[in-house]
Protein backbone atom coordinates (compact mmCIF):
# COMPACT_ATOMS: atom_id res chain seq x y z
CA MET A 1 4.96 -13.91 4.09
CA HIS A 2 3.54 -12.52 0.85
CA GLU A 3 3.82 -15.78 -1.10
CA ARG A 4 0.45 -17.07 0.01
CA VAL A 5 -1.37 -13.76 -0.23
CA HIS A 6 -0.39 -13.37 -3.89
CA ASP A 7 -1.63 -16.83 -4.90
CA GLU A 8 -5.07 -15.63 -6.10
CA SER A 9 -6.68 -18.52 -4.26
CA ARG A 10 -9.64 -18.87 -1.94
CA GLU A 11 -10.57 -20.74 1.21
CA SER A 12 -13.55 -20.87 3.57
CA ARG A 13 -13.71 -21.03 7.34
CA GLY A 14 -17.30 -21.22 8.52
CA ASP A 15 -18.99 -17.89 7.84
CA VAL A 16 -15.79 -16.33 6.48
CA ARG A 17 -14.58 -16.72 2.90
CA ILE A 18 -10.97 -15.63 2.34
CA ASP A 19 -9.81 -14.51 -1.11
CA TYR A 20 -6.09 -13.97 -1.76
CA GLY A 21 -4.54 -11.66 -4.37
CA VAL A 22 -7.76 -9.84 -5.28
CA SER A 23 -7.48 -7.50 -8.28
CA LEU A 24 -8.89 -4.04 -7.58
CA ARG A 25 -9.82 -0.89 -9.47
CA SER A 26 -11.60 2.41 -8.92
CA LEU A 27 -12.50 4.51 -11.93
CA ARG A 28 -13.66 7.36 -9.66
CA VAL A 29 -10.35 7.71 -7.80
CA GLY A 30 -8.24 6.36 -10.67
CA LEU A 31 -6.58 3.43 -8.91
CA ILE A 32 -5.74 -0.14 -9.77
CA GLY A 33 -3.97 -2.69 -7.63
CA LYS A 34 -4.19 -5.92 -5.74
CA ALA A 35 -5.39 -6.61 -2.23
CA ASP A 36 -3.35 -9.15 -0.28
CA VAL A 37 -6.47 -10.58 1.35
CA VAL A 38 -10.17 -9.83 1.33
CA GLU A 39 -12.22 -11.63 3.93
CA PHE A 40 -15.91 -11.89 3.16
CA HIS A 41 -18.00 -12.23 6.34
CA ARG A 42 -21.50 -13.70 6.03
CA GLU A 43 -24.18 -11.36 7.34
CA PRO A 44 -27.38 -12.60 9.04
CA ASP A 45 -29.32 -11.84 5.84
CA GLY A 46 -26.99 -14.15 3.85
CA SER A 47 -25.04 -11.38 2.10
CA TRP A 48 -21.25 -11.13 2.26
CA ARG A 49 -19.48 -8.10 3.81
CA PRO A 50 -15.93 -7.49 2.44
CA PHE A 51 -13.13 -6.80 4.93
CA PRO A 52 -9.72 -5.97 3.36
CA VAL A 53 -6.55 -7.15 5.12
CA GLU A 54 -3.14 -5.80 4.11
CA TYR A 55 0.00 -7.74 5.06
CA LYS A 56 3.17 -5.84 5.98
CA ARG A 57 6.44 -7.49 6.85
CA GLY A 58 7.57 -4.88 9.39
CA LYS A 59 5.85 -3.06 12.22
CA PRO A 60 3.35 -0.17 12.34
CA LYS A 61 4.69 3.08 10.92
CA PRO A 62 4.32 6.49 12.57
CA ASP A 63 2.61 7.92 9.47
CA LEU A 64 -0.66 7.00 7.73
CA SER A 65 0.86 5.34 4.64
CA ASP A 66 -0.24 1.79 5.50
CA MET A 67 -3.72 2.96 6.47
CA ILE A 68 -4.03 5.00 3.26
CA GLN A 69 -3.12 1.90 1.24
CA LEU A 70 -5.76 -0.15 3.07
CA CYS A 71 -8.35 2.60 2.64
CA ALA A 72 -7.61 2.79 -1.10
CA GLN A 73 -8.23 -0.95 -1.35
CA ALA A 74 -11.53 -0.57 0.49
CA MET A 75 -12.59 2.29 -1.78
CA CYS A 76 -11.88 0.13 -4.83
CA LEU A 77 -13.89 -2.74 -3.36
CA GLU A 78 -16.77 -0.39 -2.54
CA GLU A 79 -16.97 0.81 -6.13
CA MET A 80 -16.58 -2.67 -7.59
CA LEU A 81 -19.12 -4.34 -5.30
CA ASP A 82 -21.47 -1.40 -4.59
CA VAL A 83 -21.06 -1.73 -0.82
CA HIS A 84 -19.85 0.46 2.06
CA ILE A 85 -16.85 -0.80 4.05
CA THR A 86 -16.36 0.66 7.52
CA SER A 87 -13.16 -1.12 8.56
CA GLY A 88 -10.26 -3.30 7.53
CA ALA A 89 -7.04 -4.57 9.10
CA ILE A 90 -3.29 -4.52 8.66
CA PHE A 91 -1.28 -7.57 9.73
CA TYR A 92 2.31 -6.75 10.71
CA GLY A 93 4.77 -9.63 10.37
CA ARG A 94 7.35 -8.32 12.84
CA THR A 95 4.85 -7.91 15.68
CA ARG A 96 2.62 -10.79 14.52
CA ARG A 97 -0.35 -8.56 15.33
CA ARG A 98 -3.36 -7.47 13.36
CA LEU A 99 -4.28 -3.79 13.64
CA ASP A 100 -7.94 -2.96 13.03
CA VAL A 101 -8.41 0.27 11.06
CA ALA A 102 -11.57 2.38 10.99
CA LEU A 103 -12.10 3.75 7.49
CA ASP A 104 -13.52 7.10 8.60
CA ASP A 105 -14.16 10.27 6.59
CA ALA A 106 -10.79 11.83 7.51
CA LEU A 107 -8.83 8.79 6.28
CA ARG A 108 -10.93 8.65 3.11
CA ARG A 109 -10.21 12.35 2.37
CA GLU A 110 -6.47 11.80 2.96
CA THR A 111 -6.56 8.76 0.66
CA GLU A 112 -8.27 10.71 -2.13
CA GLU A 113 -5.82 13.61 -1.73
CA THR A 114 -2.90 11.18 -1.90
CA ALA A 115 -4.32 9.67 -5.10
CA LYS A 116 -4.65 13.18 -6.60
CA ARG A 117 -1.02 13.99 -5.71
CA VAL A 118 0.14 10.72 -7.30
CA HIS A 119 -1.81 11.48 -10.50
CA ALA A 120 -0.31 14.99 -10.64
CA LEU A 121 3.16 13.53 -10.16
CA ILE A 122 2.63 11.01 -12.97
CA GLU A 123 1.26 13.72 -15.27
CA SER A 124 4.34 15.89 -14.61
CA GLY A 125 6.56 13.16 -16.10
CA GLN A 126 9.25 13.74 -13.49
CA THR A 127 10.43 11.28 -10.88
CA PRO A 128 11.23 13.05 -7.63
CA SER A 129 14.58 12.32 -6.05
CA PRO A 130 14.36 10.17 -2.92
CA VAL A 131 14.93 11.83 0.42
CA TYR A 132 16.44 9.62 3.08
CA ALA A 133 14.64 9.45 6.43
CA LYS A 134 14.70 7.01 9.34
CA ARG A 135 11.52 5.40 8.00
CA CYS A 136 13.44 4.29 4.89
CA GLU A 137 15.03 1.46 6.87
CA SER A 138 11.61 -0.20 7.35
CA CYS A 139 10.61 0.20 3.69
CA SER A 140 10.57 -2.89 1.49
CA LEU A 141 11.80 -0.80 -1.48
CA VAL A 142 14.91 0.73 0.13
CA ALA A 143 17.24 -1.46 -1.97
CA GLU A 144 15.63 -0.25 -5.21
CA CYS A 145 15.21 3.39 -4.17
CA LEU A 146 18.73 3.83 -2.70
CA PRO A 147 17.89 7.11 -0.94
CA LYS A 148 21.29 7.47 0.76
CA THR A 149 23.19 6.98 -2.50
CA ILE A 150 21.01 9.04 -4.83
CA GLN A 151 20.53 11.87 -2.33
CA LYS A 152 24.24 12.72 -2.61
CA ARG A 153 23.61 13.82 -6.23
CA ARG A 154 27.08 13.03 -7.49
CA SER A 155 27.36 13.33 -11.23
CA VAL A 156 29.36 11.09 -13.53
CA LYS A 157 31.12 14.19 -14.86
CA GLY A 158 32.15 15.21 -11.34
CA TYR A 159 33.36 11.69 -10.59
CA LEU A 160 35.48 11.53 -13.75
CA THR A 161 36.93 14.99 -13.08
CA ARG A 162 37.94 13.99 -9.54
CA ILE A 163 39.49 10.72 -10.73
CA LEU A 164 41.46 12.36 -13.53
CA GLU A 165 42.76 15.14 -11.26
CA GLU A 166 44.12 12.76 -8.62
CA PRO A 167 47.95 12.44 -8.66
């Protein structure tokens, strides 16, 4: 599903221009990244209004993580293009549905707070241990994170001691 959205290509459909794999940055919030899709809708005055669309392979999550990611993309676009973006969308592959998301003040505050927590975590130089939760099963990074395995905190020393003590 993500192959096409990471092509960095473009297409037009009437009054909508669709850009794939759009590079993003915000100096104010301290973010860089890539938007899967940014649709540009032609306004009556001839200008183009950006509308970010994030593609997810699963289904909507019970938390705000997907919406925060979309909002961060919109905030980057706003700074880069000097525009205000009021909404975007998340397309979920499992449900084959597009969820419209209002980029309101509360979501923007949560997005900025999340960015601050990420910066503080990076500055600390420590990687937190993963904590397994039911939501891990729908995460695309579960195979890299290995929360069930790492959470057990078994040391190599403990493993070797147990092996050597076995009859």
